[in-house]
PDB file of all heavy atoms in Angstrom:
ATOM      1  N   ASP A   1     151.950  34.804  15.310  1.00  0.00           N
ATOM      2  CA  ASP A   1     150.569  34.829  15.128  1.00  0.00           C
ATOM      3  C   ASP A   1     150.051  36.214  14.879  1.00  0.00           C
ATOM      4  O   ASP A   1     149.230  36.591  14.065  1.00  0.00           O
ATOM      5  CB  ASP A   1     149.852  34.295  16.378  1.00  0.00           C
ATOM      6  CG  ASP A   1     150.158  32.756  16.452  1.00  0.00           C
ATOM      7  OD1 ASP A   1     150.519  32.149  15.452  1.00  0.00           O
ATOM      8  OD2 ASP A   1     149.922  32.195  17.585  1.00  0.00           O
ATOM      9  N   GLU A   2     150.626  37.295  15.674  1.00  0.00           N
ATOM     10  CA  GLU A   2     150.278  38.681  15.469  1.00  0.00           C
ATOM     11  C   GLU A   2     150.563  39.163  14.085  1.00  0.00           C
ATOM     12  O   GLU A   2     149.740  39.922  13.429  1.00  0.00           O
ATOM     13  CB  GLU A   2     150.952  39.498  16.583  1.00  0.00           C
ATOM     14  CG  GLU A   2     150.460  39.352  17.969  1.00  0.00           C
ATOM     15  CD  GLU A   2     151.299  39.958  18.935  1.00  0.00           C
ATOM     16  OE1 GLU A   2     152.232  40.748  18.492  1.00  0.00           O
ATOM     17  OE2 GLU A   2     151.081  39.854  20.212  1.00  0.00           O
ATOM     18  N   VAL A   3     151.828  38.903  13.654  1.00  0.00           N
ATOM     19  CA  VAL A   3     152.230  39.388  12.311  1.00  0.00           C
ATOM     20  C   VAL A   3     151.411  38.823  11.280  1.00  0.00           C
ATOM     21  O   VAL A   3     150.977  39.519  10.277  1.00  0.00           O
ATOM     22  CB  VAL A   3     153.743  39.023  12.116  1.00  0.00           C
ATOM     23  CG1 VAL A   3     154.203  39.284  10.674  1.00  0.00           C
ATOM     24  CG2 VAL A   3     154.584  39.923  13.021  1.00  0.00           C
ATOM     25  N   LEU A   4     151.200  37.505  11.227  1.00  0.00           N
ATOM     26  CA  LEU A   4     150.418  36.899  10.205  1.00  0.00           C
ATOM     27  C   LEU A   4     148.940  37.341  10.146  1.00  0.00           C
ATOM     28  O   LEU A   4     148.411  37.479   9.105  1.00  0.00           O
ATOM     29  CB  LEU A   4     150.447  35.283  10.362  1.00  0.00           C
ATOM     30  CG  LEU A   4     151.818  34.641  10.180  1.00  0.00           C
ATOM     31  CD1 LEU A   4     151.769  33.102  10.333  1.00  0.00           C
ATOM     32  CD2 LEU A   4     152.421  34.975   8.861  1.00  0.00           C
ATOM     33  N   ALA A   5     148.441  37.581  11.403  1.00  0.00           N
ATOM     34  CA  ALA A   5     147.046  38.143  11.444  1.00  0.00           C
ATOM     35  C   ALA A   5     146.968  39.506  10.908  1.00  0.00           C
ATOM     36  O   ALA A   5     146.058  39.941  10.218  1.00  0.00           O
ATOM     37  CB  ALA A   5     146.575  38.067  12.895  1.00  0.00           C
ATOM     38  N   GLU A   6     148.046  40.341  11.210  1.00  0.00           N
ATOM     39  CA  GLU A   6     148.054  41.748  10.740  1.00  0.00           C
ATOM     40  C   GLU A   6     148.222  41.836   9.223  1.00  0.00           C
ATOM     41  O   GLU A   6     147.537  42.675   8.574  1.00  0.00           O
ATOM     42  CB  GLU A   6     149.197  42.481  11.391  1.00  0.00           C
ATOM     43  CG  GLU A   6     149.539  43.828  10.944  1.00  0.00           C
ATOM     44  CD  GLU A   6     148.454  44.841  11.259  1.00  0.00           C
ATOM     45  OE1 GLU A   6     147.664  44.610  12.171  1.00  0.00           O
ATOM     46  OE2 GLU A   6     148.320  45.910  10.648  1.00  0.00           O
ATOM     47  N   LEU A   7     149.103  40.989   8.591  1.00  0.00           N
ATOM     48  CA  LEU A   7     149.326  41.027   7.261  1.00  0.00           C
ATOM     49  C   LEU A   7     148.350  40.289   6.427  1.00  0.00           C
ATOM     50  O   LEU A   7     148.161  40.598   5.227  1.00  0.00           O
ATOM     51  CB  LEU A   7     150.709  40.543   6.923  1.00  0.00           C
ATOM     52  CG  LEU A   7     151.832  41.352   7.539  1.00  0.00           C
ATOM     53  CD1 LEU A   7     153.214  40.764   7.295  1.00  0.00           C
ATOM     54  CD2 LEU A   7     151.901  42.828   7.034  1.00  0.00           C
ATOM     55  N   GLY A   8     147.623  39.348   6.979  1.00  0.00           N
ATOM     56  CA  GLY A   8     146.634  38.545   6.248  1.00  0.00           C
ATOM     57  C   GLY A   8     147.201  37.906   5.091  1.00  0.00           C
ATOM     58  O   GLY A   8     146.640  37.780   4.019  1.00  0.00           O
ATOM     59  N   ILE A   9     148.436  37.356   5.233  1.00  0.00           N
ATOM     60  CA  ILE A   9     149.211  36.799   4.051  1.00  0.00           C
ATOM     61  C   ILE A   9     148.567  35.391   3.641  1.00  0.00           C
ATOM     62  O   ILE A   9     148.355  34.559   4.442  1.00  0.00           O
ATOM     63  CB  ILE A   9     150.638  36.662   4.445  1.00  0.00           C
ATOM     64  CG1 ILE A   9     151.266  38.020   4.669  1.00  0.00           C
ATOM     65  CG2 ILE A   9     151.468  35.969   3.326  1.00  0.00           C
ATOM     66  CD1 ILE A   9     152.686  38.039   5.115  1.00  0.00           C
ATOM     67  N   ASN A  10     148.440  35.318   2.414  1.00  0.00           N
ATOM     68  CA  ASN A  10     148.044  34.017   1.829  1.00  0.00           C
ATOM     69  C   ASN A  10     149.287  33.382   1.055  1.00  0.00           C
ATOM     70  O   ASN A  10     149.372  33.500  -0.132  1.00  0.00           O
ATOM     71  CB  ASN A  10     146.873  34.179   0.855  1.00  0.00           C
ATOM     72  CG  ASN A  10     146.373  32.849   0.333  1.00  0.00           C
ATOM     73  OD1 ASN A  10     146.612  31.776   0.916  1.00  0.00           O
ATOM     74  ND2 ASN A  10     145.691  32.884  -0.815  1.00  0.00           N
ATOM     75  N   ASP A  11     150.225  32.901   1.814  1.00  0.00           N
ATOM     76  CA  ASP A  11     151.386  32.330   1.256  1.00  0.00           C
ATOM     77  C   ASP A  11     151.414  30.832   1.515  1.00  0.00           C
ATOM     78  O   ASP A  11     151.404  30.452   2.635  1.00  0.00           O
ATOM     79  CB  ASP A  11     152.590  33.036   1.990  1.00  0.00           C
ATOM     80  CG  ASP A  11     153.994  32.671   1.324  1.00  0.00           C
ATOM     81  OD1 ASP A  11     154.126  31.478   0.960  1.00  0.00           O
ATOM     82  OD2 ASP A  11     154.885  33.477   1.323  1.00  0.00           O
ATOM     83  N   PRO A  12     151.542  30.024   0.443  1.00  0.00           N
ATOM     84  CA  PRO A  12     151.565  28.597   0.638  1.00  0.00           C
ATOM     85  C   PRO A  12     152.642  28.140   1.563  1.00  0.00           C
ATOM     86  O   PRO A  12     152.455  27.154   2.321  1.00  0.00           O
ATOM     87  CB  PRO A  12     151.728  28.067  -0.794  1.00  0.00           C
ATOM     88  CG  PRO A  12     151.304  29.115  -1.690  1.00  0.00           C
ATOM     89  CD  PRO A  12     151.593  30.379  -0.920  1.00  0.00           C
ATOM     90  N   GLN A  13     153.834  28.839   1.525  1.00  0.00           N
ATOM     91  CA  GLN A  13     154.934  28.352   2.333  1.00  0.00           C
ATOM     92  C   GLN A  13     154.563  28.600   3.899  1.00  0.00           C
ATOM     93  O   GLN A  13     154.872  27.774   4.780  1.00  0.00           O
ATOM     94  CB  GLN A  13     156.194  29.000   1.961  1.00  0.00           C
ATOM     95  CG  GLN A  13     157.385  28.471   2.655  1.00  0.00           C
ATOM     96  CD  GLN A  13     158.760  29.058   2.172  1.00  0.00           C
ATOM     97  OE1 GLN A  13     158.839  30.177   2.267  1.00  0.00           O
ATOM     98  NE2 GLN A  13     159.741  28.340   1.698  1.00  0.00           N
ATOM     99  N   LEU A  14     154.042  29.734   4.170  1.00  0.00           N
ATOM    100  CA  LEU A  14     153.661  29.991   5.584  1.00  0.00           C
ATOM    101  C   LEU A  14     152.547  29.152   6.016  1.00  0.00           C
ATOM    102  O   LEU A  14     152.495  28.729   7.119  1.00  0.00           O
ATOM    103  CB  LEU A  14     153.267  31.497   5.679  1.00  0.00           C
ATOM    104  CG  LEU A  14     154.433  32.574   5.365  1.00  0.00           C
ATOM    105  CD1 LEU A  14     153.816  33.929   5.538  1.00  0.00           C
ATOM    106  CD2 LEU A  14     155.499  32.308   6.395  1.00  0.00           C
ATOM    107  N   GLU A  15     151.649  28.834   5.057  1.00  0.00           N
ATOM    108  CA  GLU A  15     150.544  27.905   5.486  1.00  0.00           C
ATOM    109  C   GLU A  15     151.078  26.481   5.796  1.00  0.00           C
ATOM    110  O   GLU A  15     150.709  25.824   6.710  1.00  0.00           O
ATOM    111  CB  GLU A  15     149.567  27.817   4.269  1.00  0.00           C
ATOM    112  CG  GLU A  15     148.395  26.852   4.563  1.00  0.00           C
ATOM    113  CD  GLU A  15     147.512  26.639   3.386  1.00  0.00           C
ATOM    114  OE1 GLU A  15     147.602  27.395   2.399  1.00  0.00           O
ATOM    115  OE2 GLU A  15     146.568  25.683   3.309  1.00  0.00           O
ATOM    116  N   LEU A  16     152.137  26.110   4.960  1.00  0.00           N
ATOM    117  CA  LEU A  16     152.822  24.847   5.245  1.00  0.00           C
ATOM    118  C   LEU A  16     153.489  24.873   6.510  1.00  0.00           C
ATOM    119  O   LEU A  16     153.390  23.872   7.238  1.00  0.00           O
ATOM    120  CB  LEU A  16     153.866  24.651   4.070  1.00  0.00           C
ATOM    121  CG  LEU A  16     154.811  23.455   4.176  1.00  0.00           C
ATOM    122  CD1 LEU A  16     154.072  22.214   4.225  1.00  0.00           C
ATOM    123  CD2 LEU A  16     155.788  23.536   2.917  1.00  0.00           C
ATOM    124  N   ALA A  17     154.160  25.939   6.917  1.00  0.00           N
ATOM    125  CA  ALA A  17     154.811  26.054   8.087  1.00  0.00           C
ATOM    126  C   ALA A  17     153.886  25.805   9.377  1.00  0.00           C
ATOM    127  O   ALA A  17     154.203  25.133  10.282  1.00  0.00           O
ATOM    128  CB  ALA A  17     155.589  27.362   8.294  1.00  0.00           C
ATOM    129  N   MET A  18     152.761  26.502   9.244  1.00  0.00           N
ATOM    130  CA  MET A  18     151.794  26.467  10.387  1.00  0.00           C
ATOM    131  C   MET A  18     151.284  25.017  10.506  1.00  0.00           C
ATOM    132  O   MET A  18     151.007  24.572  11.627  1.00  0.00           O
ATOM    133  CB  MET A  18     150.700  27.537  10.163  1.00  0.00           C
ATOM    134  CG  MET A  18     151.098  28.946  10.293  1.00  0.00           C
ATOM    135  SD  MET A  18     151.760  29.368  11.922  1.00  0.00           S
ATOM    136  CE  MET A  18     153.488  29.157  11.703  1.00  0.00           C
ATOM    137  N   LYS A  19     151.006  24.375   9.417  1.00  0.00           N
ATOM    138  CA  LYS A  19     150.517  23.059   9.431  1.00  0.00           C
ATOM    139  C   LYS A  19     151.461  22.007   9.947  1.00  0.00           C
ATOM    140  O   LYS A  19     151.193  21.145  10.742  1.00  0.00           O
ATOM    141  CB  LYS A  19     150.050  22.578   7.994  1.00  0.00           C
ATOM    142  CG  LYS A  19     149.276  21.224   7.941  1.00  0.00           C
ATOM    143  CD  LYS A  19     148.002  21.272   8.605  1.00  0.00           C
ATOM    144  CE  LYS A  19     147.241  19.968   8.516  1.00  0.00           C
ATOM    145  NZ  LYS A  19     146.001  19.954   9.310  1.00  0.00           N
ATOM    146  N   LEU A  20     152.751  22.268   9.569  1.00  0.00           N
ATOM    147  CA  LEU A  20     153.916  21.392  10.116  1.00  0.00           C
ATOM    148  C   LEU A  20     154.014  21.566  11.600  1.00  0.00           C
ATOM    149  O   LEU A  20     154.186  20.568  12.305  1.00  0.00           O
ATOM    150  CB  LEU A  20     155.205  21.848   9.419  1.00  0.00           C
ATOM    151  CG  LEU A  20     156.483  21.050   9.857  1.00  0.00           C
ATOM    152  CD1 LEU A  20     156.292  19.566   9.505  1.00  0.00           C
ATOM    153  CD2 LEU A  20     157.694  21.669   9.052  1.00  0.00           C
ATOM    154  N   GLU A  21     153.909  22.797  12.108  1.00  0.00           N
ATOM    155  CA  GLU A  21     154.041  23.078  13.496  1.00  0.00           C
ATOM    156  C   GLU A  21     152.892  22.316  14.275  1.00  0.00           C
ATOM    157  O   GLU A  21     153.055  21.727  15.256  1.00  0.00           O
ATOM    158  CB  GLU A  21     153.847  24.635  13.775  1.00  0.00           C
ATOM    159  CG  GLU A  21     153.921  24.921  15.216  1.00  0.00           C
ATOM    160  CD  GLU A  21     153.013  26.099  15.579  1.00  0.00           C
ATOM    161  OE1 GLU A  21     152.126  26.426  14.783  1.00  0.00           O
ATOM    162  OE2 GLU A  21     153.283  26.801  16.607  1.00  0.00           O
ATOM    163  N   GLU A  22     151.646  22.457  13.738  1.00  0.00           N
ATOM    164  CA  GLU A  22     150.473  21.799  14.363  1.00  0.00           C
ATOM    165  C   GLU A  22     150.705  20.295  14.426  1.00  0.00           C
ATOM    166  O   GLU A  22     150.456  19.769  15.558  1.00  0.00           O
ATOM    167  CB  GLU A  22     149.285  22.184  13.490  1.00  0.00           C
ATOM    168  CG  GLU A  22     148.051  21.521  14.139  1.00  0.00           C
ATOM    169  CD  GLU A  22     146.753  21.667  13.223  1.00  0.00           C
ATOM    170  OE1 GLU A  22     146.759  22.651  12.347  1.00  0.00           O
ATOM    171  OE2 GLU A  22     145.801  20.911  13.370  1.00  0.00           O
ATOM    172  N   ILE A  23     151.114  19.658  13.366  1.00  0.00           N
ATOM    173  CA  ILE A  23     151.290  18.174  13.419  1.00  0.00           C
ATOM    174  C   ILE A  23     152.482  17.783  14.333  1.00  0.00           C
ATOM    175  O   ILE A  23     152.297  16.869  15.121  1.00  0.00           O
ATOM    176  CB  ILE A  23     151.620  17.777  11.939  1.00  0.00           C
ATOM    177  CG1 ILE A  23     150.349  17.843  11.065  1.00  0.00           C
ATOM    178  CG2 ILE A  23     151.985  16.317  11.989  1.00  0.00           C
ATOM    179  CD1 ILE A  23     150.592  17.569   9.614  1.00  0.00           C
ATOM    180  N   ALA A  24     153.583  18.467  14.227  1.00  0.00           N
ATOM    181  CA  ALA A  24     154.800  18.104  15.093  1.00  0.00           C
ATOM    182  C   ALA A  24     154.460  18.407  16.506  1.00  0.00           C
ATOM    183  O   ALA A  24     154.928  17.491  17.434  1.00  0.00           O
ATOM    184  CB  ALA A  24     156.003  18.947  14.660  1.00  0.00           C
ATOM    185  N   ARG A  25     153.698  19.413  16.912  1.00  0.00           N
ATOM    186  CA  ARG A  25     153.443  19.615  18.306  1.00  0.00           C
ATOM    187  C   ARG A  25     152.496  18.609  18.941  1.00  0.00           C
ATOM    188  O   ARG A  25     152.454  18.415  20.135  1.00  0.00           O
ATOM    189  CB  ARG A  25     152.790  20.972  18.449  1.00  0.00           C
ATOM    190  CG  ARG A  25     153.820  22.160  18.348  1.00  0.00           C
ATOM    191  CD  ARG A  25     153.084  23.551  18.384  1.00  0.00           C
ATOM    192  NE  ARG A  25     152.656  23.805  19.711  1.00  0.00           N
ATOM    193  CZ  ARG A  25     153.266  24.601  20.623  1.00  0.00           C
ATOM    194  NH1 ARG A  25     154.496  25.061  20.305  1.00  0.00           N
ATOM    195  NH2 ARG A  25     152.906  24.768  21.785  1.00  0.00           N
ATOM    196  N   ASN A  26     151.830  17.892  18.134  1.00  0.00           N
ATOM    197  CA  ASN A  26     150.758  16.909  18.597  1.00  0.00           C
ATOM    198  C   ASN A  26     151.213  15.535  18.219  1.00  0.00           C
ATOM    199  O   ASN A  26     150.574  14.555  18.801  1.00  0.00           O
ATOM    200  CB  ASN A  26     149.461  17.231  18.024  1.00  0.00           C
ATOM    201  CG  ASN A  26     148.877  18.470  18.549  1.00  0.00           C
ATOM    202  OD1 ASN A  26     148.562  18.651  19.634  1.00  0.00           O
ATOM    203  ND2 ASN A  26     148.671  19.493  17.584  1.00  0.00           N
ATOM    204  N   ASP A  27     152.289  15.278  17.620  1.00  0.00           N
ATOM    205  CA  ASP A  27     152.733  13.915  17.260  1.00  0.00           C
ATOM    206  C   ASP A  27     153.540  13.370  18.476  1.00  0.00           C
ATOM    207  O   ASP A  27     154.483  13.949  18.986  1.00  0.00           O
ATOM    208  CB  ASP A  27     153.685  13.963  16.044  1.00  0.00           C
ATOM    209  CG  ASP A  27     153.935  12.557  15.528  1.00  0.00           C
ATOM    210  OD1 ASP A  27     154.545  11.769  16.251  1.00  0.00           O
ATOM    211  OD2 ASP A  27     153.696  12.215  14.373  1.00  0.00           O
ATOM    212  N   PRO A  28     153.098  12.164  19.021  1.00  0.00           N
ATOM    213  CA  PRO A  28     153.685  11.552  20.144  1.00  0.00           C
ATOM    214  C   PRO A  28     155.278  11.526  20.044  1.00  0.00           C
ATOM    215  O   PRO A  28     156.033  11.650  21.061  1.00  0.00           O
ATOM    216  CB  PRO A  28     153.066  10.249  20.288  1.00  0.00           C
ATOM    217  CG  PRO A  28     151.739  10.349  19.540  1.00  0.00           C
ATOM    218  CD  PRO A  28     151.944  11.367  18.484  1.00  0.00           C
TER     219      PRO A  28
END
């Protein structure tokens, strides 16, 4: 989170990774 905030990267793959993490962490 610190690295992505520092770099402010707009990378579709990184966006995809964060979305995947969010869904998987909340999926029963």
